[in-house]
């Protein structure tokens, strides 16, 4: 299947309406990722068709849960899920945070070539990063355990902000570790088109002090 057909089919299955420019940006991102991956080893996925499934659609399945105006993708790596989400949410401001400079070098090149003026790249440990006013949504894909994610990012969460942790199988043991100050809003089972693997999204908030 051609990449454009694969992308269009997946977007339709997710009920995501995308403009021609947005589709082009997503496809251009995959081409950039495949090109840089040969040298920088940004992802273990080598086939562009699999990148559509495992990176683009796997990121966009959480789109309905992401709220702006300020969104942080922590431990973004090659820009996932941040870049696909930023393409689809042009009115939100995104920060893509990673501690590895080889990753953020690629990200700076990617946002320049894709023309994403709603994305900022930060090279930092999450514990050292600061953002005035905090983020409405903090999202991470296979970053760390739930309790660690709360501990590491709570200083970056805006009042009434939400933490979105993207997981594979339902993280029952991790959910049991959460303390009373953390309120689970939901553990959503997600279906990624053409992906034969479990996906869950854990939605967390901090209880008001």
C-alpha atoms as a PDB file:
ATOM      1  CA  UNK A   1       0.000   0.000   0.000  1.00  0.00           C
ATOM      2  CA  UNK A   2       1.285   3.475  -0.847  1.00  0.00           C
ATOM      3  CA  UNK A   3       2.178   5.611   2.163  1.00  0.00           C
ATOM      4  CA  UNK A   4      -0.473   8.210   1.366  1.00  0.00           C
ATOM      5  CA  UNK A   5      -3.168   5.530   1.091  1.00  0.00           C
ATOM      6  CA  UNK A   6      -2.010   3.929   4.322  1.00  0.00           C
ATOM      7  CA  UNK A   7      -2.130   7.301   6.107  1.00  0.00           C
ATOM      8  CA  UNK A   8      -5.512   8.246   4.662  1.00  0.00           C
ATOM      9  CA  UNK A   9      -7.017   4.891   5.631  1.00  0.00           C
ATOM     10  CA  UNK A  10      -5.710   5.180   9.197  1.00  0.00           C
ATOM     11  CA  UNK A  11      -6.920   8.756   9.637  1.00  0.00           C
ATOM     12  CA  UNK A  12     -10.359   7.762   8.370  1.00  0.00           C
ATOM     13  CA  UNK A  13     -10.506   4.843  10.806  1.00  0.00           C
ATOM     14  CA  UNK A  14      -9.619   7.213  13.656  1.00  0.00           C
ATOM     15  CA  UNK A  15     -12.244   9.729  12.416  1.00  0.00           C
ATOM     16  CA  UNK A  16      -9.564  12.420  12.123  1.00  0.00           C
ATOM     17  CA  UNK A  17     -10.153  15.139   9.551  1.00  0.00           C
ATOM     18  CA  UNK A  18      -6.853  16.367   8.116  1.00  0.00           C
ATOM     19  CA  UNK A  19      -6.176  19.045   5.511  1.00  0.00           C
ATOM     20  CA  UNK A  20      -3.952  18.339   2.530  1.00  0.00           C
ATOM     21  CA  UNK A  21      -1.183  20.378   4.174  1.00  0.00           C
ATOM     22  CA  UNK A  22      -1.446  18.360   7.379  1.00  0.00           C
ATOM     23  CA  UNK A  23      -1.285  15.077   5.471  1.00  0.00           C
ATOM     24  CA  UNK A  24       1.756  16.339   3.574  1.00  0.00           C
ATOM     25  CA  UNK A  25       3.441  17.367   6.839  1.00  0.00           C
ATOM     26  CA  UNK A  26       2.871  13.923   8.360  1.00  0.00           C
ATOM     27  CA  UNK A  27       4.249  12.182   5.273  1.00  0.00           C
ATOM     28  CA  UNK A  28       7.219  14.581   5.083  1.00  0.00           C
ATOM     29  CA  UNK A  29       7.965  13.855   8.731  1.00  0.00           C
ATOM     30  CA  UNK A  30       8.106  10.126   7.998  1.00  0.00           C
ATOM     31  CA  UNK A  31      10.503  10.734   5.102  1.00  0.00           C
ATOM     32  CA  UNK A  32      12.725  12.896   7.320  1.00  0.00           C
ATOM     33  CA  UNK A  33      12.665  10.309  10.080  1.00  0.00           C
ATOM     34  CA  UNK A  34      13.590   7.514   7.679  1.00  0.00           C
ATOM     35  CA  UNK A  35      16.441   9.604   6.239  1.00  0.00           C
ATOM     36  CA  UNK A  36      17.938  10.669   9.575  1.00  0.00           C
ATOM     37  CA  UNK A  37      17.380   7.240  11.091  1.00  0.00           C
ATOM     38  CA  UNK A  38      20.090   5.752   8.863  1.00  0.00           C
ATOM     39  CA  UNK A  39      22.719   7.796  10.709  1.00  0.00           C
ATOM     40  CA  UNK A  40      21.197   8.749  14.063  1.00  0.00           C
ATOM     41  CA  UNK A  41      19.308   5.538  14.923  1.00  0.00           C
ATOM     42  CA  UNK A  42      16.260   7.473  16.147  1.00  0.00           C
ATOM     43  CA  UNK A  43      13.863   4.530  16.013  1.00  0.00           C
ATOM     44  CA  UNK A  44      14.061   0.755  15.645  1.00  0.00           C
ATOM     45  CA  UNK A  45      11.297   0.934  13.028  1.00  0.00           C
ATOM     46  CA  UNK A  46      12.951   1.077   9.596  1.00  0.00           C
ATOM     47  CA  UNK A  47      10.094   0.656   7.143  1.00  0.00           C
ATOM     48  CA  UNK A  48       8.203   3.898   6.330  1.00  0.00           C
ATOM     49  CA  UNK A  49       4.922   1.994   6.095  1.00  0.00           C
ATOM     50  CA  UNK A  50       5.414   0.659   9.600  1.00  0.00           C
ATOM     51  CA  UNK A  51       6.330   4.192  10.721  1.00  0.00           C
ATOM     52  CA  UNK A  52       2.870   5.333   9.590  1.00  0.00           C
ATOM     53  CA  UNK A  53       1.273   2.687  11.810  1.00  0.00           C
ATOM     54  CA  UNK A  54       3.634   2.589  14.777  1.00  0.00           C
ATOM     55  CA  UNK A  55       4.498   6.274  14.955  1.00  0.00           C
ATOM     56  CA  UNK A  56       1.891   8.471  13.241  1.00  0.00           C
ATOM     57  CA  UNK A  57      -1.330   6.573  13.950  1.00  0.00           C
ATOM     58  CA  UNK A  58      -0.054   5.336  17.324  1.00  0.00           C
ATOM     59  CA  UNK A  59       0.479   8.998  18.278  1.00  0.00           C
ATOM     60  CA  UNK A  60      -2.742  10.393  16.841  1.00  0.00           C
ATOM     61  CA  UNK A  61      -4.945   7.835  18.614  1.00  0.00           C
ATOM     62  CA  UNK A  62      -4.586  10.038  21.755  1.00  0.00           C
ATOM     63  CA  UNK A  63      -5.603  13.232  19.920  1.00  0.00           C
ATOM     64  CA  UNK A  64      -9.087  13.506  21.522  1.00  0.00           C
ATOM     65  CA  UNK A  65      -7.531  13.632  25.007  1.00  0.00           C
ATOM     66  CA  UNK A  66      -4.981  16.399  24.367  1.00  0.00           C
ATOM     67  CA  UNK A  67      -6.016  19.873  25.546  1.00  0.00           C
ATOM     68  CA  UNK A  68      -4.211  23.166  24.928  1.00  0.00           C
ATOM     69  CA  UNK A  69      -3.174  25.839  24.810  1.00  0.00           C
ATOM     70  CA  UNK A  70       0.152  24.514  26.188  1.00  0.00           C
ATOM     71  CA  UNK A  71       1.274  20.903  25.666  1.00  0.00           C
ATOM     72  CA  UNK A  72       4.492  19.197  26.765  1.00  0.00           C
ATOM     73  CA  UNK A  73       5.791  15.983  25.185  1.00  0.00           C
ATOM     74  CA  UNK A  74       8.299  14.717  27.730  1.00  0.00           C
ATOM     75  CA  UNK A  75      10.978  12.246  26.628  1.00  0.00           C
ATOM     76  CA  UNK A  76       9.907  12.937  23.059  1.00  0.00           C
ATOM     77  CA  UNK A  77      12.775  11.064  21.385  1.00  0.00           C
ATOM     78  CA  UNK A  78      12.196  11.370  17.646  1.00  0.00           C
ATOM     79  CA  UNK A  79       9.214  13.652  18.236  1.00  0.00           C
ATOM     80  CA  UNK A  80       6.585  11.149  19.271  1.00  0.00           C
ATOM     81  CA  UNK A  81       3.796  11.781  19.925  1.00  0.00           C
ATOM     82  CA  UNK A  82       4.543  15.520  19.843  1.00  0.00           C
ATOM     83  CA  UNK A  83       5.127  16.195  16.156  1.00  0.00           C
ATOM     84  CA  UNK A  84       2.056  14.348  14.821  1.00  0.00           C
ATOM     85  CA  UNK A  85      -0.086  15.985  17.526  1.00  0.00           C
ATOM     86  CA  UNK A  86       1.341  19.441  16.796  1.00  0.00           C
ATOM     87  CA  UNK A  87       0.563  19.002  13.095  1.00  0.00           C
ATOM     88  CA  UNK A  88      -3.067  18.270  13.926  1.00  0.00           C
ATOM     89  CA  UNK A  89      -3.405  20.935  16.658  1.00  0.00           C
ATOM     90  CA  UNK A  90      -1.898  24.081  15.078  1.00  0.00           C
ATOM     91  CA  UNK A  91      -3.577  26.412  17.603  1.00  0.00           C
ATOM     92  CA  UNK A  92      -1.851  24.736  20.576  1.00  0.00           C
ATOM     93  CA  UNK A  93       1.727  25.488  21.608  1.00  0.00           C
ATOM     94  CA  UNK A  94       3.953  22.427  22.010  1.00  0.00           C
ATOM     95  CA  UNK A  95       7.254  21.903  23.781  1.00  0.00           C
ATOM     96  CA  UNK A  96       9.144  18.733  22.838  1.00  0.00           C
ATOM     97  CA  UNK A  97      11.573  17.866  25.624  1.00  0.00           C
ATOM     98  CA  UNK A  98      14.441  15.407  25.486  1.00  0.00           C
ATOM     99  CA  UNK A  99      17.781  15.197  27.266  1.00  0.00           C
ATOM    100  CA  UNK A 100      19.684  13.762  24.276  1.00  0.00           C
ATOM    101  CA  UNK A 101      21.101  16.388  21.931  1.00  0.00           C
ATOM    102  CA  UNK A 102      21.235  14.042  18.921  1.00  0.00           C
ATOM    103  CA  UNK A 103      17.460  13.686  19.191  1.00  0.00           C
ATOM    104  CA  UNK A 104      16.840  17.422  19.558  1.00  0.00           C
ATOM    105  CA  UNK A 105      19.137  18.203  16.609  1.00  0.00           C
ATOM    106  CA  UNK A 106      16.840  16.101  14.447  1.00  0.00           C
ATOM    107  CA  UNK A 107      13.757  17.720  15.979  1.00  0.00           C
ATOM    108  CA  UNK A 108      14.980  21.252  15.278  1.00  0.00           C
ATOM    109  CA  UNK A 109      15.617  20.298  11.653  1.00  0.00           C
ATOM    110  CA  UNK A 110      12.231  18.590  11.400  1.00  0.00           C
ATOM    111  CA  UNK A 111      10.155  21.490  12.704  1.00  0.00           C
ATOM    112  CA  UNK A 112      12.028  23.871  10.396  1.00  0.00           C
ATOM    113  CA  UNK A 113      11.435  21.725   7.307  1.00  0.00           C
ATOM    114  CA  UNK A 114       7.823  21.002   8.244  1.00  0.00           C
ATOM    115  CA  UNK A 115       7.080  24.661   8.969  1.00  0.00           C
ATOM    116  CA  UNK A 116       5.756  23.977  12.483  1.00  0.00           C
ATOM    117  CA  UNK A 117       5.746  27.380  14.140  1.00  0.00           C
ATOM    118  CA  UNK A 118       3.777  26.072  17.142  1.00  0.00           C
ATOM    119  CA  UNK A 119       6.617  23.838  18.364  1.00  0.00           C
ATOM    120  CA  UNK A 120       9.585  24.608  20.612  1.00  0.00           C
ATOM    121  CA  UNK A 121      12.408  22.128  21.220  1.00  0.00           C
ATOM    122  CA  UNK A 122      14.105  21.872  24.625  1.00  0.00           C
ATOM    123  CA  UNK A 123      17.238  19.866  25.434  1.00  0.00           C
ATOM    124  CA  UNK A 124      17.036  19.250  29.166  1.00  0.00           C
ATOM    125  CA  UNK A 125      16.337  16.789  31.917  1.00  0.00           C
ATOM    126  CA  UNK A 126      12.681  17.101  32.841  1.00  0.00           C
ATOM    127  CA  UNK A 127      13.597  17.777  36.490  1.00  0.00           C
ATOM    128  CA  UNK A 128      15.616  20.852  35.445  1.00  0.00           C
ATOM    129  CA  UNK A 129      13.111  22.265  32.970  1.00  0.00           C
ATOM    130  CA  UNK A 130      10.824  25.172  33.868  1.00  0.00           C
ATOM    131  CA  UNK A 131       7.859  26.672  32.025  1.00  0.00           C
ATOM    132  CA  UNK A 132       5.990  29.746  33.299  1.00  0.00           C
ATOM    133  CA  UNK A 133       2.323  28.983  33.926  1.00  0.00           C
ATOM    134  CA  UNK A 134       2.748  25.250  33.361  1.00  0.00           C
ATOM    135  CA  UNK A 135       1.226  22.943  30.779  1.00  0.00           C
ATOM    136  CA  UNK A 136      -2.429  22.049  30.283  1.00  0.00           C
ATOM    137  CA  UNK A 137      -1.404  18.608  28.999  1.00  0.00           C
ATOM    138  CA  UNK A 138       1.772  16.648  29.667  1.00  0.00           C
ATOM    139  CA  UNK A 139       2.003  13.589  27.455  1.00  0.00           C
ATOM    140  CA  UNK A 140       4.595  10.824  27.272  1.00  0.00           C
ATOM    141  CA  UNK A 141       4.961   7.637  25.302  1.00  0.00           C
ATOM    142  CA  UNK A 142       6.689   4.745  27.094  1.00  0.00           C
ATOM    143  CA  UNK A 143       8.601   7.243  29.248  1.00  0.00           C
ATOM    144  CA  UNK A 144       8.693   5.843  32.779  1.00  0.00           C
ATOM    145  CA  UNK A 145       6.390   4.401  35.431  1.00  0.00           C
ATOM    146  CA  UNK A 146       3.240   6.337  36.285  1.00  0.00           C
ATOM    147  CA  UNK A 147       4.400   7.327  39.773  1.00  0.00           C
ATOM    148  CA  UNK A 148       7.778   8.458  38.429  1.00  0.00           C
ATOM    149  CA  UNK A 149       6.102  10.479  35.706  1.00  0.00           C
ATOM    150  CA  UNK A 150       3.937  12.290  38.246  1.00  0.00           C
ATOM    151  CA  UNK A 151       6.937  12.979  40.489  1.00  0.00           C
ATOM    152  CA  UNK A 152       9.132  14.215  37.629  1.00  0.00           C
ATOM    153  CA  UNK A 153       6.573  16.437  35.888  1.00  0.00           C
ATOM    154  CA  UNK A 154       4.299  17.801  38.611  1.00  0.00           C
ATOM    155  CA  UNK A 155       6.215  21.113  38.761  1.00  0.00           C
ATOM    156  CA  UNK A 156       5.376  21.609  35.073  1.00  0.00           C
ATOM    157  CA  UNK A 157       1.632  20.957  35.335  1.00  0.00           C
ATOM    158  CA  UNK A 158      -0.739  23.916  35.160  1.00  0.00           C
ATOM    159  CA  UNK A 159      -3.586  24.113  37.681  1.00  0.00           C
ATOM    160  CA  UNK A 160      -6.221  21.632  36.506  1.00  0.00           C
ATOM    161  CA  UNK A 161      -3.735  20.234  33.961  1.00  0.00           C
ATOM    162  CA  UNK A 162      -3.722  16.586  32.960  1.00  0.00           C
ATOM    163  CA  UNK A 163      -0.967  13.972  32.588  1.00  0.00           C
ATOM    164  CA  UNK A 164      -1.396  11.501  29.737  1.00  0.00           C
ATOM    165  CA  UNK A 165       0.752   8.363  29.901  1.00  0.00           C
ATOM    166  CA  UNK A 166       0.740   6.199  26.775  1.00  0.00           C
ATOM    167  CA  UNK A 167       1.152   2.520  27.635  1.00  0.00           C
ATOM    168  CA  UNK A 168       0.933  -0.874  25.966  1.00  0.00           C
ATOM    169  CA  UNK A 169      -0.918  -3.398  28.118  1.00  0.00           C
ATOM    170  CA  UNK A 170      -3.009  -2.054  30.981  1.00  0.00           C
ATOM    171  CA  UNK A 171      -0.457  -1.030  33.673  1.00  0.00           C
ATOM    172  CA  UNK A 172      -2.270  -2.579  36.645  1.00  0.00           C
ATOM    173  CA  UNK A 173       0.783  -2.725  38.923  1.00  0.00           C
ATOM    174  CA  UNK A 174       1.736   0.878  38.144  1.00  0.00           C
ATOM    175  CA  UNK A 175      -1.794   2.090  38.846  1.00  0.00           C
ATOM    176  CA  UNK A 176      -1.656   0.388  42.248  1.00  0.00           C
ATOM    177  CA  UNK A 177       1.472   2.415  43.112  1.00  0.00           C
ATOM    178  CA  UNK A 178      -0.243   5.785  42.727  1.00  0.00           C
ATOM    179  CA  UNK A 179      -0.618   7.810  45.908  1.00  0.00           C
ATOM    180  CA  UNK A 180      -3.697   9.542  47.227  1.00  0.00           C
ATOM    181  CA  UNK A 181      -2.652  12.897  45.785  1.00  0.00           C
ATOM    182  CA  UNK A 182      -3.093  11.519  42.269  1.00  0.00           C
ATOM    183  CA  UNK A 183      -6.550  11.146  40.798  1.00  0.00           C
ATOM    184  CA  UNK A 184      -7.030   8.781  37.863  1.00  0.00           C
ATOM    185  CA  UNK A 185      -9.407  10.252  35.316  1.00  0.00           C
ATOM    186  CA  UNK A 186      -9.449   7.093  33.236  1.00  0.00           C
ATOM    187  CA  UNK A 187      -7.497   4.207  31.747  1.00  0.00           C
ATOM    188  CA  UNK A 188      -8.626   4.140  28.144  1.00  0.00           C
ATOM    189  CA  UNK A 189      -8.106   1.139  25.886  1.00  0.00           C
ATOM    190  CA  UNK A 190      -7.212   2.406  22.430  1.00  0.00           C
ATOM    191  CA  UNK A 191      -7.244   0.785  19.004  1.00  0.00           C
ATOM    192  CA  UNK A 192      -4.542   1.798  16.532  1.00  0.00           C
ATOM    193  CA  UNK A 193      -5.401   0.997  12.891  1.00  0.00           C
ATOM    194  CA  UNK A 194      -3.339  -1.892  11.468  1.00  0.00           C
ATOM    195  CA  UNK A 195      -1.529  -2.450  14.778  1.00  0.00           C
ATOM    196  CA  UNK A 196      -1.951  -5.856  16.398  1.00  0.00           C
ATOM    197  CA  UNK A 197      -0.943  -4.815  19.901  1.00  0.00           C
ATOM    198  CA  UNK A 198      -2.615  -3.483  23.026  1.00  0.00           C
ATOM    199  CA  UNK A 199      -2.595   0.236  23.703  1.00  0.00           C
ATOM    200  CA  UNK A 200      -3.836   2.085  26.768  1.00  0.00           C
ATOM    201  CA  UNK A 201      -3.865   5.729  27.772  1.00  0.00           C
ATOM    202  CA  UNK A 202      -3.783   6.587  31.475  1.00  0.00           C
ATOM    203  CA  UNK A 203      -5.213  10.006  32.281  1.00  0.00           C
ATOM    204  CA  UNK A 204      -4.125  11.509  35.614  1.00  0.00           C
ATOM    205  CA  UNK A 205      -4.729  14.716  37.547  1.00  0.00           C
ATOM    206  CA  UNK A 206      -3.342  15.992  40.813  1.00  0.00           C
ATOM    207  CA  UNK A 207      -5.851  16.559  43.592  1.00  0.00           C
ATOM    208  CA  UNK A 208      -6.170  20.179  44.654  1.00  0.00           C
ATOM    209  CA  UNK A 209      -4.062  20.988  47.682  1.00  0.00           C
END
